N, C-alpha and C. Protein backbone atom coordinates (compact mmCIF):
# COMPACT_ATOMS: atom_id res chain seq x y z
N UNK A 1 1.18 42.57 11.35
CA UNK A 1 2.53 42.43 10.90
C UNK A 1 3.38 43.08 11.70
N UNK A 2 3.17 44.54 12.75
CA UNK A 2 4.03 44.36 13.45
C UNK A 2 4.76 44.21 14.10
N UNK A 3 4.54 42.83 14.42
CA UNK A 3 5.29 41.96 15.22
C UNK A 3 6.23 41.48 14.19
N UNK A 4 5.74 40.51 13.15
CA UNK A 4 6.82 40.71 11.92
C UNK A 4 7.84 41.37 11.73
N UNK A 5 7.83 42.17 11.38
CA UNK A 5 8.92 43.40 11.00
C UNK A 5 9.68 44.28 12.35
N UNK A 6 9.13 43.76 13.40
CA UNK A 6 10.29 44.14 14.64
C UNK A 6 11.16 42.79 14.89
N UNK A 7 10.39 41.33 14.57
CA UNK A 7 11.21 40.42 14.99
C UNK A 7 11.96 40.30 13.63
N UNK A 8 11.90 40.59 12.50
CA UNK A 8 12.68 40.36 11.02
C UNK A 8 13.95 41.20 11.64
N UNK A 9 13.47 42.58 11.87
CA UNK A 9 14.66 43.52 12.12
C UNK A 9 15.45 42.98 13.48
N UNK A 10 14.98 42.60 14.30
CA UNK A 10 15.65 42.06 15.19
C UNK A 10 17.04 41.17 14.50
N UNK A 11 15.95 40.03 14.06
CA UNK A 11 16.96 39.14 13.15
C UNK A 11 18.20 39.70 12.66
N UNK A 12 17.94 40.56 11.70
CA UNK A 12 18.67 41.05 10.68
C UNK A 12 20.27 41.61 11.94
N UNK A 13 19.55 42.69 12.66
CA UNK A 13 20.47 42.68 13.04
C UNK A 13 21.20 42.03 14.15
N UNK A 14 20.85 41.42 14.66
CA UNK A 14 21.94 40.08 15.18
C UNK A 14 22.85 39.47 14.56
N UNK A 15 22.44 39.10 13.19
CA UNK A 15 23.16 38.15 12.61
C UNK A 15 24.37 39.51 12.09
N UNK A 16 23.91 40.56 11.57
CA UNK A 16 24.76 41.45 11.37
C UNK A 16 26.50 40.88 12.23
N UNK A 17 25.93 40.89 13.17
CA UNK A 17 27.18 40.81 14.27
C UNK A 17 28.39 39.11 14.26
N UNK A 18 27.52 38.78 13.51
CA UNK A 18 28.17 37.40 13.48
C UNK A 18 29.32 37.19 12.42
N UNK A 19 30.16 36.30 11.85
CA UNK A 19 30.98 36.18 10.94
C UNK A 19 30.50 35.30 10.08
N UNK A 20 30.58 34.91 8.99
CA UNK A 20 30.37 34.10 7.98
C UNK A 20 31.28 32.95 8.43
N UNK A 21 30.73 31.73 8.35
CA UNK A 21 31.05 30.61 9.04
C UNK A 21 31.01 29.29 7.63
N UNK A 22 31.96 28.60 7.31
CA UNK A 22 31.69 27.20 6.85
C UNK A 22 32.00 26.18 7.76
N UNK A 23 30.84 25.65 6.98
CA UNK A 23 30.69 24.48 8.17
C UNK A 23 30.58 23.55 7.68
N UNK A 24 30.61 21.89 8.30
CA UNK A 24 29.91 20.83 7.92
C UNK A 24 29.06 20.47 8.80
N UNK A 25 28.19 20.23 7.69
CA UNK A 25 26.83 20.56 8.24
C UNK A 25 26.34 18.97 8.30
N UNK A 26 25.15 18.45 9.90
CA UNK A 26 25.01 17.32 10.05
C UNK A 26 23.57 17.14 9.00
N UNK A 27 23.06 16.32 9.22
CA UNK A 27 21.67 15.83 9.13
C UNK A 27 20.26 16.33 9.61
N UNK A 28 20.82 16.60 11.03
CA UNK A 28 19.60 16.95 11.44
C UNK A 28 19.36 18.51 11.99
N UNK A 29 18.39 19.15 12.30
CA UNK A 29 18.50 20.48 12.54
C UNK A 29 17.22 20.70 13.63
N UNK A 30 17.85 20.45 15.06
CA UNK A 30 16.13 21.42 16.11
C UNK A 30 16.01 22.35 16.55
N UNK A 31 15.16 22.67 15.84
CA UNK A 31 15.37 24.45 16.59
C UNK A 31 14.07 24.69 17.88
N UNK A 32 13.71 25.67 18.11
CA UNK A 32 13.26 26.20 19.58
C UNK A 32 12.92 27.50 19.21
N UNK A 33 11.53 28.19 19.08
CA UNK A 33 11.31 29.61 18.67
C UNK A 33 9.80 29.82 20.04
N UNK A 34 9.93 31.12 20.07
CA UNK A 34 9.07 32.01 20.21
C UNK A 34 8.05 32.45 19.09
N UNK A 35 6.88 32.03 19.00
CA UNK A 35 5.87 32.53 18.13
C UNK A 35 4.96 33.50 18.30
N UNK A 36 4.65 34.34 17.18
CA UNK A 36 3.18 34.90 18.03
C UNK A 36 2.24 34.83 17.04
N UNK A 37 1.50 33.96 17.23
CA UNK A 37 0.25 33.39 16.62
C UNK A 37 -0.63 34.50 16.47
N UNK A 38 -1.04 35.04 15.33
CA UNK A 38 -1.40 35.75 14.84
C UNK A 38 -3.32 35.21 13.24
N UNK A 39 -4.12 35.79 14.49
CA UNK A 39 -5.46 34.91 13.77
C UNK A 39 -6.05 36.09 12.79
N UNK A 40 -6.38 35.79 11.31
CA UNK A 40 -7.11 36.69 10.51
C UNK A 40 -8.50 36.80 11.21
N UNK A 41 -9.15 35.87 11.44
CA UNK A 41 -10.62 35.80 12.11
C UNK A 41 -11.52 36.35 11.07
N UNK A 42 -11.45 35.47 10.27
CA UNK A 42 -12.58 35.36 9.25
C UNK A 42 -14.02 34.90 9.31
N UNK A 43 -15.20 35.78 9.06
CA UNK A 43 -16.51 35.26 9.27
C UNK A 43 -16.75 34.70 8.50
N UNK A 44 -18.12 33.35 8.03
CA UNK A 44 -18.51 33.18 6.58
C UNK A 44 -19.74 34.23 7.21
N UNK A 45 -20.54 34.26 5.84
CA UNK A 45 -22.06 34.52 5.66
C UNK A 45 -22.80 34.03 6.63
N UNK A 46 -22.72 32.67 6.99
CA UNK A 46 -23.59 32.31 7.12
C UNK A 46 -23.53 32.25 8.80
N UNK A 47 -22.31 32.84 9.50
CA UNK A 47 -22.18 32.99 10.48
C UNK A 47 -22.54 34.65 11.37
N UNK A 48 -22.21 35.41 10.16
CA UNK A 48 -22.59 36.84 10.29
C UNK A 48 -24.18 37.03 10.42
N UNK A 49 -24.52 36.17 9.43
CA UNK A 49 -26.41 36.37 9.37
C UNK A 49 -26.72 35.47 10.85
N UNK A 50 -26.29 34.42 11.26
CA UNK A 50 -26.99 34.08 11.75
C UNK A 50 -26.98 34.31 13.46
N UNK A 51 -25.59 35.10 13.93
CA UNK A 51 -25.55 35.90 14.23
C UNK A 51 -25.49 37.42 14.43
N UNK A 52 -26.24 37.65 13.35
CA UNK A 52 -26.73 39.15 13.81
C UNK A 52 -25.34 40.21 13.13
N UNK A 53 -24.30 39.48 13.17
CA UNK A 53 -23.44 40.50 12.83
C UNK A 53 -22.16 40.19 14.28
N UNK A 54 -22.57 39.69 15.07
CA UNK A 54 -21.81 39.08 16.11
C UNK A 54 -20.45 38.92 15.66
N UNK A 55 -19.51 39.06 15.66
CA UNK A 55 -17.93 38.58 15.40
C UNK A 55 -17.60 37.34 16.51
N UNK A 56 -16.73 36.31 16.26
CA UNK A 56 -16.51 35.24 17.03
C UNK A 56 -14.85 35.14 16.63
N UNK A 57 -14.20 35.11 17.46
CA UNK A 57 -12.73 35.59 17.66
C UNK A 57 -11.70 34.99 18.75
N UNK A 58 -10.70 34.23 17.65
CA UNK A 58 -9.86 33.88 19.17
C UNK A 58 -8.80 34.50 18.73
N UNK A 59 -8.15 34.88 19.88
CA UNK A 59 -7.53 35.66 20.71
C UNK A 59 -6.07 35.92 20.01
N UNK A 60 -5.62 36.23 19.63
CA UNK A 60 -4.22 36.37 19.14
C UNK A 60 -3.25 36.45 20.35
N UNK A 61 -1.94 35.57 20.43
CA UNK A 61 -1.14 35.09 21.45
C UNK A 61 0.18 34.35 21.13
N UNK A 62 0.86 34.66 21.91
CA UNK A 62 2.84 34.31 21.53
C UNK A 62 2.55 32.35 22.47
N UNK A 63 3.02 31.97 21.52
CA UNK A 63 3.15 30.69 22.23
C UNK A 63 4.26 30.22 21.61
N UNK A 64 5.34 29.05 22.20
CA UNK A 64 6.74 28.13 22.43
C UNK A 64 6.15 27.37 20.93
N UNK A 65 7.54 27.12 20.49
CA UNK A 65 7.72 25.91 19.37
C UNK A 65 8.54 25.43 19.27
N UNK A 66 8.98 24.18 19.09
CA UNK A 66 10.03 22.87 18.60
C UNK A 66 9.61 22.93 17.21
N UNK A 67 10.85 22.24 16.27
CA UNK A 67 10.53 21.74 14.94
C UNK A 67 11.95 21.11 15.21
N UNK A 68 11.66 19.62 14.09
CA UNK A 68 12.90 18.58 14.17
C UNK A 68 12.87 19.15 12.79
N UNK A 69 13.96 18.81 12.00
CA UNK A 69 14.47 19.24 10.56
C UNK A 69 15.01 18.20 9.97
N UNK A 70 14.89 16.97 9.23
CA UNK A 70 16.01 16.19 8.59
C UNK A 70 16.46 16.46 7.36
N UNK A 71 17.47 17.08 7.02
CA UNK A 71 18.31 17.57 5.31
C UNK A 71 18.47 16.05 4.52
N UNK A 72 17.74 15.80 3.65
CA UNK A 72 17.89 14.65 2.53
C UNK A 72 19.00 14.81 1.94
N UNK A 73 19.35 16.13 1.44
CA UNK A 73 20.58 16.87 0.53
C UNK A 73 20.99 18.29 1.28
N UNK A 74 21.77 19.02 1.17
CA UNK A 74 22.32 20.03 1.52
C UNK A 74 21.15 21.17 0.90
N UNK A 75 20.03 20.95 0.18
CA UNK A 75 19.06 21.93 -0.34
C UNK A 75 17.68 21.34 0.20
N UNK A 76 17.36 20.08 0.02
CA UNK A 76 16.41 19.55 0.55
C UNK A 76 16.18 19.27 2.13
N UNK A 77 14.80 19.83 2.66
CA UNK A 77 14.63 19.09 4.03
C UNK A 77 13.19 18.74 4.63
N UNK A 78 13.01 18.17 4.99
CA UNK A 78 11.48 17.77 5.73
C UNK A 78 11.46 18.67 7.17
N UNK A 79 10.67 19.54 7.72
CA UNK A 79 10.37 19.64 8.82
C UNK A 79 8.74 19.15 9.29
N UNK A 80 8.52 18.83 10.84
CA UNK A 80 8.06 18.76 11.63
C UNK A 80 8.25 19.66 12.91
N UNK A 81 6.46 20.77 12.79
CA UNK A 81 6.01 21.36 13.79
C UNK A 81 5.70 21.52 15.00
N UNK A 82 6.00 22.02 15.54
CA UNK A 82 4.92 21.12 17.33
C UNK A 82 5.64 21.98 18.33
N UNK A 83 4.26 21.78 18.81
CA UNK A 83 3.99 22.75 20.32
C UNK A 83 3.18 21.37 21.39
N UNK A 84 2.80 21.81 22.68
CA UNK A 84 1.73 21.37 23.58
C UNK A 84 0.32 22.16 22.99
N UNK A 85 -0.49 21.53 23.47
CA UNK A 85 -2.11 22.39 23.32
C UNK A 85 -1.75 23.54 23.75
N UNK A 86 -2.36 24.27 22.69
CA UNK A 86 -2.20 25.75 23.49
C UNK A 86 -3.80 26.47 24.05
N UNK A 87 -3.77 27.09 24.71
CA UNK A 87 -5.40 27.51 25.54
C UNK A 87 -5.65 28.70 24.17
N UNK A 88 -6.49 28.65 24.19
CA UNK A 88 -7.09 29.70 22.65
C UNK A 88 -7.98 30.42 23.17
N UNK A 89 -8.31 31.66 23.85
CA UNK A 89 -9.24 32.25 24.38
C UNK A 89 -10.37 32.50 23.16
N UNK A 90 -11.33 32.45 23.10
CA UNK A 90 -12.42 33.32 22.63
C UNK A 90 -13.25 33.79 22.69
N UNK A 91 -14.07 35.25 22.02
CA UNK A 91 -14.63 36.40 22.35
C UNK A 91 -15.69 36.41 21.76
N UNK A 92 -16.67 36.64 21.77
CA UNK A 92 -18.09 36.63 21.09
C UNK A 92 -18.43 38.32 21.66
N UNK A 93 -18.43 38.46 19.98
CA UNK A 93 -18.94 40.56 20.61
C UNK A 93 -17.93 41.33 21.12
N UNK A 94 -16.62 40.88 21.02
CA UNK A 94 -15.79 41.79 21.70
C UNK A 94 -15.75 41.37 23.97
N UNK A 95 -16.70 40.27 23.75
CA UNK A 95 -16.60 39.54 25.21
C UNK A 95 -16.12 38.25 25.35
N UNK A 96 -15.51 38.20 26.40
CA UNK A 96 -14.97 36.96 26.30
C UNK A 96 -15.68 36.03 27.13
N UNK A 97 -15.94 35.11 26.49
CA UNK A 97 -16.76 33.65 26.12
C UNK A 97 -16.67 32.28 26.38
N UNK A 98 -15.21 32.38 26.39
CA UNK A 98 -14.89 30.63 26.94
C UNK A 98 -13.05 30.51 26.69
N UNK A 99 -13.27 29.44 26.53
CA UNK A 99 -11.28 29.11 26.13
C UNK A 99 -11.06 27.45 25.30
N UNK A 100 -10.53 27.14 24.58
CA UNK A 100 -10.89 26.05 23.87
C UNK A 100 -8.88 25.76 23.96
N UNK A 101 -8.42 24.46 23.46
CA UNK A 101 -7.27 24.20 23.42
C UNK A 101 -7.05 23.81 22.12
N UNK A 102 -6.04 24.10 21.78
CA UNK A 102 -5.74 23.62 20.01
C UNK A 102 -4.33 23.13 19.88
N UNK A 103 -4.22 21.73 19.60
CA UNK A 103 -2.53 20.94 18.92
C UNK A 103 -2.47 20.96 17.66
N UNK A 104 -1.58 21.83 17.45
CA UNK A 104 -1.30 21.96 15.54
C UNK A 104 -0.27 21.97 14.39
N UNK A 105 -0.35 20.72 15.14
CA UNK A 105 1.05 20.08 14.40
C UNK A 105 0.82 20.07 12.79
N UNK A 106 2.74 20.78 12.26
CA UNK A 106 2.36 21.04 10.43
C UNK A 106 3.89 19.98 10.54
N UNK A 107 3.87 19.45 8.62
CA UNK A 107 4.60 18.82 8.31
C UNK A 107 5.06 19.28 7.08
N UNK A 108 6.16 19.91 6.24
CA UNK A 108 6.66 20.62 5.53
C UNK A 108 7.88 20.16 4.95
N UNK A 109 7.99 20.22 3.60
CA UNK A 109 9.33 20.17 2.88
C UNK A 109 9.66 21.50 2.32
N UNK A 110 10.77 21.11 2.39
CA UNK A 110 11.64 22.62 2.63
C UNK A 110 12.51 23.02 1.45
N UNK A 111 13.48 23.90 0.80
CA UNK A 111 14.08 24.17 -0.42
C UNK A 111 14.99 25.18 0.44
N UNK A 112 16.31 25.02 0.86
CA UNK A 112 17.27 25.57 1.88
C UNK A 112 18.12 26.30 0.46
N UNK A 113 18.24 27.45 0.52
CA UNK A 113 19.39 28.19 -0.47
C UNK A 113 20.81 28.41 0.48
N UNK A 114 22.05 27.66 -0.20
CA UNK A 114 23.04 27.44 -0.24
C UNK A 114 24.45 28.11 -0.74
N UNK A 115 23.98 29.24 -1.41
CA UNK A 115 25.31 29.73 -1.59
C UNK A 115 25.31 31.50 -1.20
N UNK A 116 24.74 31.24 0.17
CA UNK A 116 25.50 32.87 0.67
C UNK A 116 26.02 32.59 1.81
N UNK A 117 27.05 31.41 2.12
CA UNK A 117 27.48 31.60 3.42
C UNK A 117 27.28 31.40 4.49
N UNK A 118 27.00 31.90 5.75
CA UNK A 118 26.68 31.53 6.80
C UNK A 118 24.61 31.86 6.87
N UNK A 119 24.27 32.88 6.18
CA UNK A 119 23.25 32.96 5.98
C UNK A 119 22.34 32.33 5.16
N UNK A 120 21.33 31.81 5.53
CA UNK A 120 20.58 30.35 5.00
C UNK A 120 19.23 30.50 4.71
N UNK A 121 18.72 31.14 3.79
CA UNK A 121 16.92 31.82 3.48
C UNK A 121 16.83 29.85 3.46
N UNK A 122 15.39 30.09 3.05
CA UNK A 122 14.54 28.62 2.78
C UNK A 122 13.09 29.06 2.43
N UNK A 123 12.49 28.92 1.62
CA UNK A 123 10.97 28.34 1.90
C UNK A 123 10.74 26.99 1.73
N UNK A 124 8.92 27.07 1.81
CA UNK A 124 9.14 25.27 2.91
C UNK A 124 6.94 25.62 2.21
N UNK A 125 6.65 24.01 1.81
CA UNK A 125 5.34 24.36 1.88
C UNK A 125 4.78 23.19 2.42
N UNK A 126 3.54 22.74 2.75
CA UNK A 126 3.03 21.67 3.75
C UNK A 126 1.27 21.31 4.26
N UNK A 127 1.12 20.76 5.05
CA UNK A 127 0.05 20.63 5.63
C UNK A 127 0.05 20.46 7.42
N UNK A 128 -1.04 21.26 7.56
CA UNK A 128 -1.20 21.46 9.03
C UNK A 128 -2.40 20.56 9.14
N UNK A 129 -2.67 20.11 10.53
CA UNK A 129 -3.35 19.34 10.91
C UNK A 129 -3.66 19.70 12.93
N UNK A 130 -4.67 20.56 12.71
CA UNK A 130 -5.18 21.04 14.01
C UNK A 130 -6.25 20.19 15.07
N UNK A 131 -5.89 19.54 15.77
CA UNK A 131 -6.90 19.02 16.66
C UNK A 131 -7.30 19.73 18.13
N UNK A 132 -8.30 20.40 18.15
CA UNK A 132 -9.20 21.71 18.97
C UNK A 132 -9.65 20.30 20.13
N UNK A 133 -9.75 20.63 21.22
CA UNK A 133 -10.12 20.09 22.57
C UNK A 133 -10.84 21.16 23.32
N UNK A 134 -11.52 20.57 24.40
CA UNK A 134 -12.67 21.25 25.53
C UNK A 134 -13.69 22.65 24.38
N UNK A 135 -13.98 21.64 23.28
CA UNK A 135 -14.61 22.50 22.38
C UNK A 135 -15.51 22.95 22.62
N UNK A 136 -16.22 22.36 24.06
CA UNK A 136 -17.62 22.83 24.21
C UNK A 136 -17.76 23.93 25.16
N UNK A 137 -16.47 24.48 25.41
CA UNK A 137 -16.36 25.27 26.94
C UNK A 137 -16.72 27.00 26.03
N UNK A 138 -17.74 27.42 25.81
CA UNK A 138 -17.81 28.70 24.98
C UNK A 138 -19.37 28.88 25.26
N UNK A 139 -19.59 30.06 25.83
CA UNK A 139 -21.11 30.48 26.18
C UNK A 139 -21.10 29.87 27.19
N UNK A 140 -21.10 29.24 27.88
CA UNK A 140 -21.44 28.32 29.65
C UNK A 140 -21.85 26.42 28.81
N UNK A 141 -20.92 26.49 27.92
CA UNK A 141 -21.29 25.06 26.68
C UNK A 141 -22.46 25.34 26.52
N UNK A 142 -22.81 26.55 25.87
CA UNK A 142 -24.09 26.76 24.88
C UNK A 142 -23.44 26.74 23.23
N UNK A 143 -22.04 26.77 23.60
CA UNK A 143 -21.75 27.11 22.14
C UNK A 143 -20.15 26.25 21.84
N UNK A 144 -19.81 25.85 20.78
CA UNK A 144 -18.81 24.86 20.50
C UNK A 144 -18.05 24.96 18.82
N UNK A 145 -17.22 24.08 18.88
CA UNK A 145 -16.31 24.74 18.14
C UNK A 145 -15.99 23.21 16.92
N UNK A 146 -15.59 22.79 16.51
CA UNK A 146 -15.89 21.60 15.14
C UNK A 146 -14.10 20.59 16.09
N UNK A 147 -13.88 19.50 15.58
CA UNK A 147 -12.94 18.88 16.35
C UNK A 147 -11.90 19.12 15.99
N UNK A 148 -11.81 19.42 14.80
CA UNK A 148 -10.12 19.54 13.97
C UNK A 148 -10.42 20.29 13.09
N UNK A 149 -9.22 20.58 12.24
CA UNK A 149 -8.95 21.69 11.03
C UNK A 149 -7.98 20.98 10.05
N UNK A 150 -8.19 20.60 9.00
CA UNK A 150 -6.92 20.54 8.10
C UNK A 150 -6.39 21.38 6.86
N UNK A 151 -5.15 21.89 6.67
CA UNK A 151 -5.19 22.97 5.68
C UNK A 151 -3.46 23.09 5.13
N UNK A 152 -3.56 23.71 4.53
CA UNK A 152 -2.40 23.72 3.47
C UNK A 152 -1.31 25.28 4.64
N UNK A 153 0.30 24.98 4.13
CA UNK A 153 0.77 26.02 5.27
C UNK A 153 1.98 26.05 4.50
N UNK A 154 1.96 27.59 4.27
CA UNK A 154 3.56 28.30 3.18
C UNK A 154 4.27 28.59 4.14
N UNK A 155 5.54 28.60 3.97
CA UNK A 155 6.91 28.74 4.95
C UNK A 155 7.30 30.41 4.22
N UNK A 156 8.52 31.21 4.73
CA UNK A 156 9.75 31.72 4.59
C UNK A 156 10.58 31.92 5.36
N UNK A 157 11.68 32.11 5.81
CA UNK A 157 12.53 31.89 6.82
C UNK A 157 14.07 32.14 6.56
N UNK A 158 14.44 32.39 8.04
CA UNK A 158 16.14 32.36 7.48
C UNK A 158 16.84 31.26 8.75
N UNK A 159 18.11 31.04 8.37
CA UNK A 159 18.44 30.45 9.47
C UNK A 159 20.44 31.38 9.35
N UNK A 160 20.90 31.64 10.29
CA UNK A 160 21.95 32.23 10.00
C UNK A 160 23.88 31.44 11.53
N UNK A 161 23.93 30.89 10.67
CA UNK A 161 25.02 30.06 11.09
C UNK A 161 26.00 31.15 12.42
N UNK A 162 26.35 30.85 13.55
CA UNK A 162 27.16 31.67 14.30
C UNK A 162 28.12 30.86 15.22
N UNK A 163 28.16 29.32 14.67
CA UNK A 163 29.23 28.24 14.87
C UNK A 163 29.14 26.87 14.13
N UNK A 164 29.84 26.03 14.04
CA UNK A 164 29.52 24.80 13.70
C UNK A 164 28.13 24.73 13.73
N UNK A 165 27.48 24.41 15.21
CA UNK A 165 26.32 23.77 15.42
C UNK A 165 25.38 24.33 15.60
N UNK A 166 25.33 26.12 15.71
CA UNK A 166 24.41 26.40 16.20
C UNK A 166 24.41 27.63 15.67
N UNK A 167 22.75 27.93 15.04
CA UNK A 167 22.26 29.00 14.30
C UNK A 167 20.89 29.79 14.90
N UNK A 168 21.19 30.95 14.08
CA UNK A 168 19.85 32.36 14.39
C UNK A 168 18.67 31.96 14.01
N UNK A 169 17.78 32.01 14.17
CA UNK A 169 16.80 31.70 13.17
C UNK A 169 15.20 32.75 13.18
N UNK A 170 14.76 32.89 12.19
CA UNK A 170 13.25 33.82 11.95
C UNK A 170 12.95 33.16 10.94
N UNK A 171 11.37 33.00 11.23
CA UNK A 171 10.40 32.15 10.42
C UNK A 171 9.50 32.98 10.48
N UNK A 172 8.48 32.42 9.15
CA UNK A 172 7.10 33.02 9.03
C UNK A 172 6.39 32.09 8.27
N UNK A 173 4.92 31.53 8.79
CA UNK A 173 4.36 30.41 8.43
C UNK A 173 3.02 31.20 8.26
N UNK A 174 2.01 30.86 7.53
CA UNK A 174 0.55 31.22 7.34
C UNK A 174 -0.10 30.09 6.97
N UNK A 175 -0.74 29.59 7.68
CA UNK A 175 -1.59 28.63 7.88
C UNK A 175 -3.04 28.38 7.71
N UNK A 176 -4.17 27.69 6.69
CA UNK A 176 -4.85 27.31 6.50
C UNK A 176 -5.98 26.71 7.73
N UNK A 177 -6.28 27.26 8.63
CA UNK A 177 -6.90 26.88 9.49
C UNK A 177 -8.41 27.90 9.80
N UNK A 178 -9.88 27.17 9.42
CA UNK A 178 -10.62 27.08 10.08
C UNK A 178 -11.62 26.30 10.77
N UNK A 179 -12.46 26.50 11.57
CA UNK A 179 -13.58 25.42 12.12
C UNK A 179 -14.80 25.47 11.87
N UNK A 180 -16.02 24.98 12.28
CA UNK A 180 -17.16 25.37 11.91
C UNK A 180 -17.72 25.92 13.63
N UNK A 181 -18.81 26.40 13.80
CA UNK A 181 -19.58 26.89 15.02
C UNK A 181 -20.76 26.79 14.92
N UNK A 182 -20.57 25.98 16.44
CA UNK A 182 -21.88 25.29 16.60
C UNK A 182 -22.85 26.29 18.02
N UNK A 183 -24.33 26.50 18.08
CA UNK A 183 -24.57 26.92 19.15
C UNK A 183 -26.07 25.76 19.38
N UNK A 184 -26.16 25.36 20.50
CA UNK A 184 -27.33 25.19 21.29
C UNK A 184 -26.93 23.23 19.84
N UNK A 185 -25.93 22.99 19.73
CA UNK A 185 -25.90 21.53 18.77
C UNK A 185 -25.79 21.71 17.24
N UNK A 186 -26.72 22.93 16.72
CA UNK A 186 -27.00 23.44 15.46
C UNK A 186 -25.46 24.48 14.99
N UNK A 187 -25.00 23.40 13.89
CA UNK A 187 -24.14 24.89 13.07
C UNK A 187 -24.48 25.93 12.83
N UNK A 188 -23.66 27.21 13.04
CA UNK A 188 -24.54 28.21 12.69
C UNK A 188 -23.59 29.22 11.52
N UNK A 189 -22.32 28.53 11.46
CA UNK A 189 -21.26 28.97 10.48
C UNK A 189 -19.69 28.76 10.86
N UNK A 190 -19.05 29.16 10.23
CA UNK A 190 -17.27 28.99 10.45
C UNK A 190 -16.36 30.51 10.58
N UNK A 191 -15.53 29.81 11.29
CA UNK A 191 -14.04 30.92 11.66
C UNK A 191 -13.33 30.84 10.64
N UNK A 192 -12.97 31.20 9.96
CA UNK A 192 -11.59 31.32 9.49
C UNK A 192 -10.51 31.76 9.89
N UNK A 193 -9.76 30.90 11.08
CA UNK A 193 -8.80 31.53 11.57
C UNK A 193 -7.54 32.10 11.04
N UNK A 194 -7.17 30.81 10.03
CA UNK A 194 -6.01 31.23 8.81
C UNK A 194 -4.80 32.36 9.78
N UNK A 195 -4.27 31.87 10.86
CA UNK A 195 -2.54 32.53 11.66
C UNK A 195 -1.90 32.99 10.83
N UNK A 196 -1.06 33.90 10.90
CA UNK A 196 0.08 33.83 10.64
C UNK A 196 1.00 33.45 11.94
N UNK A 197 2.17 32.70 11.76
CA UNK A 197 2.80 32.79 12.44
C UNK A 197 4.41 32.80 12.84
N UNK A 198 4.75 34.22 13.26
CA UNK A 198 6.14 34.67 12.79
C UNK A 198 6.63 34.26 13.87
N UNK A 199 8.14 33.71 14.40
CA UNK A 199 9.04 33.00 15.38
C UNK A 199 10.72 33.97 15.18
N UNK A 200 10.87 33.71 15.99
CA UNK A 200 12.37 34.01 16.42
C UNK A 200 13.09 32.84 17.29
N UNK A 201 14.14 31.81 16.86
CA UNK A 201 14.71 31.24 17.76
C UNK A 201 15.93 30.84 17.52
N UNK A 202 16.81 30.00 18.33
CA UNK A 202 17.99 29.28 18.26
C UNK A 202 17.52 27.84 17.27
N UNK A 203 19.04 27.12 16.91
CA UNK A 203 18.71 26.00 16.14
C UNK A 203 20.33 25.55 16.53
N UNK A 204 19.65 24.05 16.82
CA UNK A 204 21.41 23.20 16.96
C UNK A 204 21.13 22.48 15.80
N UNK A 205 22.36 22.21 14.95
CA UNK A 205 22.43 21.10 14.01
C UNK A 205 23.38 19.93 14.11
N UNK A 206 23.16 18.87 14.03
CA UNK A 206 24.04 17.52 13.88
C UNK A 206 23.71 16.85 13.13
């Protein structure tokens, strides 16, 4: 969470330098973010037992993110969160065991608060569908993970408008994400990846 606090502090510091602007807002908002993907890496009891306590982990990392929002009203919007397939390093017992790829699009419904001038906080909730590829590239192809993961997403963040179209953004999402682990084709347990995604970026509304 140190990354979260640093990003939020930076965001508030930048926002303090911009005037509050009244603007006529468009229906579309496109944002680009740098996002820190911080995995929880919870282990199922079955995995702990079958691997004699050896921990299987996905490495946390920075990823690029693009999202597209459509505003149905001043307050209600839908957001599609996208990135390209990301390499995720898998460690077993603290040692690098292989690399998989994950494509984690999310779709959220949002409520935007509009009574704070240029400062526009929001909350959101929705669904994530993560597609894993190169799934068997672990321990020399002796181990693999599941094909996909489906879970809920919670979100909180804010935009700060510093012109009619452009805004600064800080965003945090928590994603339910888990995958089964197989060794030699047999399921040995599951990892609750459940990442926090802490992002900072800019948006363009039109």
